[in-house]
Amino acid sequence: MVDSKEPTEIVSARLGKSKVAALAKLAEQNGREIGEQIEFLVTEAIIEGGFLSPEQAALHRLRESLVRRFLDAAVTIIAQEGHRNDITIETGRRIILVPKWKADYETYLKSRDKATINPTLGRRVKLRLGLITGKSKPVVGVSIFSTFSELLAPSTDLKAA
């Protein structure tokens, strides 16, 4: 098994509001948070460009296939039976009985830890079904004026101390 989680870096990108809105719609449609959608699109582009090893590309595609089939199973259960509070658990109970999904899941676990996929399954089911919303809060830039003004004129709590 390789490391359960690859070290990550945070990068920023400037996108127009219309692109962010379209990206949010695409992410919602795919049951992803915006950051997950961006990561997926970038990974696909890197694979297409030949910059990811065939093993890494296959692992990425296997993971996406597992998640997609899990989501589809959850949607089917809801469509047939209506709302369930235990949809993630019930989907897991049922899909593990599908031989191809189980074999693919076991193959994935030979390369990665459960911690890299199981939380995603639950979160993505909830996102896809609209039970939770994704993280899409704008990042507020740091203002040097507020930072320095706090240093120059401390709050009354600090004066009293």
Protein backbone atom coordinates (compact mmCIF):
# COMPACT_ATOMS: atom_id res chain seq x y z
CA MET A 1 0.00 0.00 0.00
CA VAL A 2 1.28 3.46 -0.83
CA ASP A 3 0.92 6.43 1.48
CA SER A 4 -2.72 6.92 2.33
CA LYS A 5 -2.65 10.54 1.34
CA GLU A 6 -0.26 12.42 -0.89
CA PRO A 7 0.99 15.72 0.55
CA THR A 8 -0.94 18.59 -0.95
CA GLU A 9 -0.31 22.21 -1.74
CA ILE A 10 -2.79 25.04 -1.94
CA VAL A 11 -2.75 27.01 -5.16
CA SER A 12 -4.91 29.92 -6.14
CA ALA A 13 -6.53 30.81 -9.42
CA ARG A 14 -8.39 33.85 -10.63
CA LEU A 15 -11.66 33.04 -12.31
CA GLY A 16 -14.43 35.35 -13.39
CA LYS A 17 -17.71 35.12 -11.49
CA SER A 18 -19.45 33.51 -14.46
CA LYS A 19 -16.80 30.76 -14.59
CA VAL A 20 -17.05 30.17 -10.85
CA ALA A 21 -20.84 29.94 -11.14
CA ALA A 22 -20.53 27.47 -14.03
CA LEU A 23 -17.95 25.49 -12.08
CA ALA A 24 -20.28 25.40 -9.07
CA LYS A 25 -23.09 24.06 -11.26
CA LEU A 26 -20.79 21.43 -12.75
CA ALA A 27 -19.59 20.41 -9.30
CA GLU A 28 -23.17 20.17 -8.02
CA GLN A 29 -24.19 18.13 -11.04
CA ASN A 30 -21.33 15.72 -10.35
CA GLY A 31 -21.93 15.57 -6.60
CA ARG A 32 -18.66 17.30 -5.81
CA GLU A 33 -17.49 20.33 -3.94
CA ILE A 34 -15.95 22.99 -6.16
CA GLY A 35 -12.43 22.14 -4.99
CA GLU A 36 -13.00 18.46 -5.77
CA GLN A 37 -14.29 19.36 -9.22
CA ILE A 38 -11.23 21.50 -9.93
CA GLU A 39 -8.94 18.71 -8.74
CA PHE A 40 -10.77 16.22 -10.98
CA LEU A 41 -10.53 18.48 -14.04
CA VAL A 42 -6.85 19.22 -13.43
CA THR A 43 -6.06 15.53 -12.92
CA GLU A 44 -7.86 14.64 -16.14
CA ALA A 45 -5.87 17.31 -18.01
CA ILE A 46 -2.60 16.06 -16.51
CA ILE A 47 -3.45 12.50 -17.56
CA GLU A 48 -4.39 13.70 -21.06
CA GLY A 49 -1.08 15.56 -21.28
CA GLY A 50 0.85 12.43 -20.35
CA PHE A 51 2.25 13.87 -17.13
CA LEU A 52 0.85 11.22 -14.77
CA SER A 53 2.17 7.68 -14.72
CA PRO A 54 -0.13 5.00 -16.14
CA GLU A 55 -0.43 3.50 -12.65
CA GLN A 56 -1.48 6.83 -11.12
CA ALA A 57 -3.93 7.45 -13.96
CA ALA A 58 -5.45 3.99 -13.54
CA LEU A 59 -5.80 4.51 -9.79
CA HIS A 60 -7.49 7.89 -10.35
CA ARG A 61 -9.92 6.36 -12.85
CA LEU A 62 -10.63 3.38 -10.57
CA ARG A 63 -11.41 5.71 -7.67
CA GLU A 64 -13.69 7.87 -9.82
CA SER A 65 -15.46 4.76 -11.10
CA LEU A 66 -16.03 3.45 -7.58
CA VAL A 67 -17.41 6.78 -6.39
CA ARG A 68 -19.62 7.23 -9.47
CA ARG A 69 -21.15 3.74 -9.12
CA PHE A 70 -21.69 4.31 -5.40
CA LEU A 71 -23.48 7.60 -6.12
CA ASP A 72 -25.61 6.01 -8.83
CA ALA A 73 -26.61 3.23 -6.44
CA ALA A 74 -27.60 5.77 -3.77
CA VAL A 75 -29.68 7.75 -6.26
CA THR A 76 -31.42 4.55 -7.38
CA ILE A 77 -32.25 3.58 -3.79
CA ILE A 78 -33.74 7.01 -3.11
CA ALA A 79 -35.70 6.95 -6.38
CA GLN A 80 -37.17 3.54 -5.57
CA GLU A 81 -37.71 3.86 -1.84
CA GLY A 82 -37.80 7.55 -1.02
CA HIS A 83 -35.74 9.48 1.51
CA ARG A 84 -33.60 7.50 3.95
CA ASN A 85 -31.56 8.86 6.84
CA ASP A 86 -29.14 5.97 6.46
CA ILE A 87 -28.59 6.28 2.70
CA THR A 88 -24.79 6.09 2.80
CA ILE A 89 -24.74 3.02 5.03
CA GLU A 90 -27.53 1.34 3.08
CA THR A 91 -25.78 2.03 -0.21
CA GLY A 92 -22.60 0.52 1.20
CA ARG A 93 -24.46 -2.57 2.38
CA ARG A 94 -25.99 -3.11 -1.03
CA ILE A 95 -23.12 -2.21 -3.32
CA ILE A 96 -20.60 -4.43 -1.55
CA LEU A 97 -22.79 -7.34 -2.74
CA VAL A 98 -22.09 -6.36 -6.37
CA PRO A 99 -19.10 -8.57 -7.31
CA LYS A 100 -17.48 -6.11 -9.77
CA TRP A 101 -17.73 -3.16 -7.35
CA LYS A 102 -16.37 -5.25 -4.48
CA ALA A 103 -13.45 -6.51 -6.59
CA ASP A 104 -12.63 -2.96 -7.75
CA TYR A 105 -12.86 -1.67 -4.17
CA GLU A 106 -10.48 -4.38 -2.97
CA THR A 107 -8.10 -3.52 -5.82
CA TYR A 108 -8.22 0.13 -4.79
CA LEU A 109 -7.50 -0.75 -1.15
CA LYS A 110 -4.36 -2.62 -2.20
CA SER A 111 -2.97 0.72 -3.36
CA ARG A 112 -4.68 3.15 -1.00
CA ASP A 113 -6.10 3.25 2.48
CA LYS A 114 -9.84 3.35 3.19
CA ALA A 115 -9.26 6.85 4.57
CA THR A 116 -8.77 8.10 1.01
CA ILE A 117 -12.14 6.96 -0.29
CA ASN A 118 -14.68 6.11 2.43
CA PRO A 119 -15.23 9.68 3.68
CA THR A 120 -15.58 10.78 0.05
CA LEU A 121 -18.33 8.24 -0.56
CA GLY A 122 -20.45 9.58 2.29
CA ARG A 123 -19.83 13.26 1.54
CA ARG A 124 -20.43 12.89 -2.18
CA VAL A 125 -23.71 10.99 -1.65
CA LYS A 126 -24.93 13.82 0.59
CA LEU A 127 -23.80 16.45 -1.92
CA ARG A 128 -25.40 14.62 -4.85
CA LEU A 129 -28.70 14.23 -3.01
CA GLY A 130 -28.64 17.85 -1.84
CA LEU A 131 -28.49 16.89 1.83
CA ILE A 132 -25.48 19.16 2.37
CA THR A 133 -23.93 21.96 0.35
CA GLY A 134 -20.32 22.16 -0.74
CA LYS A 135 -17.73 24.53 0.58
CA SER A 136 -17.75 27.56 -1.66
CA LYS A 137 -16.87 30.49 0.55
CA PRO A 138 -14.83 33.29 -0.97
CA VAL A 139 -11.42 33.81 0.56
CA VAL A 140 -11.05 37.32 1.90
CA GLY A 141 -7.68 38.83 1.24
CA VAL A 142 -5.67 40.01 4.21
CA SER A 143 -5.76 43.75 4.62
CA ILE A 144 -2.45 45.21 5.70
CA PHE A 145 -4.31 48.20 7.05
CA SER A 146 -6.45 46.23 9.47
CA THR A 147 -3.44 44.18 10.55
CA PHE A 148 -1.26 47.20 11.20
CA SER A 149 -4.05 49.27 12.69
CA GLU A 150 -4.66 46.51 15.24
CA LEU A 151 -0.99 46.65 16.16
CA LEU A 152 -0.94 50.42 16.38
CA ALA A 153 -4.22 50.76 18.27
CA PRO A 154 -4.81 47.58 20.28
CA SER A 155 -8.35 46.71 21.29
CA THR A 156 -9.67 47.90 24.66
CA ASP A 157 -9.30 44.36 26.01
CA LEU A 158 -5.55 44.56 25.51
CA LYS A 159 -5.33 48.04 27.07
CA ALA A 160 -7.08 46.80 30.17
CA ALA A 161 -4.67 43.89 30.59
